[in-house]
Amino acid sequence: MTLHMLVNVLPWVALLLGCALGAHGLYMLRTDRLPSWYRQRDQRSARSSAWSFLLMAAFIVMINLPRAMGWASSLVVAFNALAFVPLTWYTVLAVKQDRQR
């Protein structure tokens, strides 16, 4: 695989990862329960974990969507700037949960 092919494939792989994280977060939010492998490591509620998954998925998708679609550089910059909104929300949620422990 050449470097050029790898550069074209990586944004799509990241988008798939972001969509998988988002789907997993929606599943946890909808069912209000954590998978057993996750519950053993983290004792947070399912709702807060689901929001963490959704916010990280939004960040990943917003960073990689313009690159994967080949949009103009101004749109890439705009989406990268907007991607910091869910990242900031994710950080605030994590700090808030740390203080509750």
C-alpha atoms as a PDB file:
ATOM      1  CA  MET A   1       0.000   0.000   0.000  1.00  0.00           C
ATOM      2  CA  THR A   2       1.477   3.307  -0.999  1.00  0.00           C
ATOM      3  CA  LEU A   3       1.488   6.349   1.214  1.00  0.00           C
ATOM      4  CA  HIS A   4      -0.978   8.121  -1.081  1.00  0.00           C
ATOM      5  CA  MET A   5      -3.490   5.279  -0.748  1.00  0.00           C
ATOM      6  CA  LEU A   6      -3.053   5.262   3.017  1.00  0.00           C
ATOM      7  CA  VAL A   7      -3.737   8.997   3.227  1.00  0.00           C
ATOM      8  CA  ASN A   8      -6.969   8.481   1.272  1.00  0.00           C
ATOM      9  CA  VAL A   9      -8.129   5.541   3.399  1.00  0.00           C
ATOM     10  CA  LEU A  10      -7.395   6.835   6.913  1.00  0.00           C
ATOM     11  CA  PRO A  11     -10.186   9.481   7.060  1.00  0.00           C
ATOM     12  CA  TRP A  12     -12.726   6.826   6.058  1.00  0.00           C
ATOM     13  CA  VAL A  13     -11.459   4.457   8.745  1.00  0.00           C
ATOM     14  CA  ALA A  14     -11.704   7.265  11.299  1.00  0.00           C
ATOM     15  CA  LEU A  15     -15.260   8.016  10.139  1.00  0.00           C
ATOM     16  CA  LEU A  16     -16.217   4.377  10.610  1.00  0.00           C
ATOM     17  CA  LEU A  17     -14.708   4.435  14.087  1.00  0.00           C
ATOM     18  CA  GLY A  18     -16.633   7.614  14.917  1.00  0.00           C
ATOM     19  CA  CYS A  19     -19.890   6.134  13.646  1.00  0.00           C
ATOM     20  CA  ALA A  20     -19.299   2.954  15.659  1.00  0.00           C
ATOM     21  CA  LEU A  21     -18.653   4.987  18.811  1.00  0.00           C
ATOM     22  CA  GLY A  22     -21.792   7.005  18.166  1.00  0.00           C
ATOM     23  CA  ALA A  23     -23.901   3.896  17.600  1.00  0.00           C
ATOM     24  CA  HIS A  24     -22.562   2.357  20.795  1.00  0.00           C
ATOM     25  CA  GLY A  25     -23.323   5.569  22.688  1.00  0.00           C
ATOM     26  CA  LEU A  26     -26.868   5.670  21.312  1.00  0.00           C
ATOM     27  CA  TYR A  27     -27.367   2.026  22.305  1.00  0.00           C
ATOM     28  CA  MET A  28     -26.221   2.744  25.865  1.00  0.00           C
ATOM     29  CA  LEU A  29     -28.376   5.866  26.039  1.00  0.00           C
ATOM     30  CA  ARG A  30     -31.418   4.024  24.705  1.00  0.00           C
ATOM     31  CA  THR A  31     -31.113   0.905  26.879  1.00  0.00           C
ATOM     32  CA  ASP A  32     -29.676   2.716  29.924  1.00  0.00           C
ATOM     33  CA  ARG A  33     -27.232  -0.075  30.648  1.00  0.00           C
ATOM     34  CA  LEU A  34     -23.542  -0.665  30.169  1.00  0.00           C
ATOM     35  CA  PRO A  35     -21.941  -3.727  28.600  1.00  0.00           C
ATOM     36  CA  SER A  36     -20.379  -6.058  31.171  1.00  0.00           C
ATOM     37  CA  TRP A  37     -16.831  -5.491  29.923  1.00  0.00           C
ATOM     38  CA  TYR A  38     -17.287  -1.741  30.401  1.00  0.00           C
ATOM     39  CA  ARG A  39     -19.071  -1.964  33.744  1.00  0.00           C
ATOM     40  CA  GLN A  40     -16.135  -3.856  35.256  1.00  0.00           C
ATOM     41  CA  ARG A  41     -13.749  -0.971  34.507  1.00  0.00           C
ATOM     42  CA  ASP A  42     -15.934   2.042  35.155  1.00  0.00           C
ATOM     43  CA  GLN A  43     -18.628   2.529  37.760  1.00  0.00           C
ATOM     44  CA  ARG A  44     -20.230   5.597  36.175  1.00  0.00           C
ATOM     45  CA  SER A  45     -23.856   5.615  35.193  1.00  0.00           C
ATOM     46  CA  ALA A  46     -24.810   4.415  31.734  1.00  0.00           C
ATOM     47  CA  ARG A  47     -26.193   7.815  30.802  1.00  0.00           C
ATOM     48  CA  SER A  48     -22.961   9.716  31.425  1.00  0.00           C
ATOM     49  CA  SER A  49     -20.892   7.053  29.678  1.00  0.00           C
ATOM     50  CA  ALA A  50     -23.233   7.182  26.705  1.00  0.00           C
ATOM     51  CA  TRP A  51     -22.847  10.959  26.461  1.00  0.00           C
ATOM     52  CA  SER A  52     -19.073  10.549  26.603  1.00  0.00           C
ATOM     53  CA  PHE A  53     -19.203   8.117  23.684  1.00  0.00           C
ATOM     54  CA  LEU A  54     -21.519  10.403  21.691  1.00  0.00           C
ATOM     55  CA  LEU A  55     -19.410  13.509  22.234  1.00  0.00           C
ATOM     56  CA  MET A  56     -16.184  11.780  21.281  1.00  0.00           C
ATOM     57  CA  ALA A  57     -17.888  10.339  18.193  1.00  0.00           C
ATOM     58  CA  ALA A  58     -19.079  13.819  17.201  1.00  0.00           C
ATOM     59  CA  PHE A  59     -15.536  15.140  17.557  1.00  0.00           C
ATOM     60  CA  ILE A  60     -14.032  12.348  15.433  1.00  0.00           C
ATOM     61  CA  VAL A  61     -16.660  12.669  12.705  1.00  0.00           C
ATOM     62  CA  MET A  62     -16.454  16.465  12.545  1.00  0.00           C
ATOM     63  CA  ILE A  63     -12.667  16.370  12.203  1.00  0.00           C
ATOM     64  CA  ASN A  64     -12.573  13.682   9.507  1.00  0.00           C
ATOM     65  CA  LEU A  65     -15.732  14.263   7.440  1.00  0.00           C
ATOM     66  CA  PRO A  66     -14.441  17.219   5.389  1.00  0.00           C
ATOM     67  CA  ARG A  67     -11.153  15.472   4.673  1.00  0.00           C
ATOM     68  CA  ALA A  68     -12.827  12.244   3.605  1.00  0.00           C
ATOM     69  CA  MET A  69     -15.275  14.049   1.346  1.00  0.00           C
ATOM     70  CA  GLY A  70     -12.583  16.263  -0.202  1.00  0.00           C
ATOM     71  CA  TRP A  71     -14.272  19.526   0.709  1.00  0.00           C
ATOM     72  CA  ALA A  72     -12.645  22.926   0.229  1.00  0.00           C
ATOM     73  CA  SER A  73     -10.033  23.974   2.761  1.00  0.00           C
ATOM     74  CA  SER A  74     -12.266  26.696   4.207  1.00  0.00           C
ATOM     75  CA  LEU A  75     -14.878  24.086   5.129  1.00  0.00           C
ATOM     76  CA  VAL A  76     -12.180  21.894   6.664  1.00  0.00           C
ATOM     77  CA  VAL A  77     -11.089  24.790   8.866  1.00  0.00           C
ATOM     78  CA  ALA A  78     -14.696  25.590   9.816  1.00  0.00           C
ATOM     79  CA  PHE A  79     -15.485  21.975  10.748  1.00  0.00           C
ATOM     80  CA  ASN A  80     -12.248  21.681  12.731  1.00  0.00           C
ATOM     81  CA  ALA A  81     -13.156  24.805  14.682  1.00  0.00           C
ATOM     82  CA  LEU A  82     -16.687  23.514  15.316  1.00  0.00           C
ATOM     83  CA  ALA A  83     -15.306  20.153  16.430  1.00  0.00           C
ATOM     84  CA  PHE A  84     -13.950  21.754  19.565  1.00  0.00           C
ATOM     85  CA  VAL A  85     -17.504  22.341  20.842  1.00  0.00           C
ATOM     86  CA  PRO A  86     -18.202  18.635  21.561  1.00  0.00           C
ATOM     87  CA  LEU A  87     -14.597  18.170  22.712  1.00  0.00           C
ATOM     88  CA  THR A  88     -15.013  20.971  25.263  1.00  0.00           C
ATOM     89  CA  TRP A  89     -18.346  19.552  26.378  1.00  0.00           C
ATOM     90  CA  TYR A  90     -16.698  16.116  26.741  1.00  0.00           C
ATOM     91  CA  THR A  91     -13.908  17.617  28.866  1.00  0.00           C
ATOM     92  CA  VAL A  92     -16.355  19.491  31.087  1.00  0.00           C
ATOM     93  CA  LEU A  93     -18.386  16.307  31.567  1.00  0.00           C
ATOM     94  CA  ALA A  94     -15.250  14.342  32.480  1.00  0.00           C
ATOM     95  CA  VAL A  95     -14.074  16.946  35.010  1.00  0.00           C
ATOM     96  CA  LYS A  96     -17.542  17.145  36.532  1.00  0.00           C
ATOM     97  CA  GLN A  97     -17.635  13.376  36.962  1.00  0.00           C
ATOM     98  CA  ASP A  98     -14.156  13.324  38.482  1.00  0.00           C
ATOM     99  CA  ARG A  99     -15.267  15.811  41.129  1.00  0.00           C
ATOM    100  CA  GLN A 100     -18.316  13.683  41.984  1.00  0.00           C
ATOM    101  CA  ARG A 101     -16.140  10.674  42.820  1.00  0.00           C
END
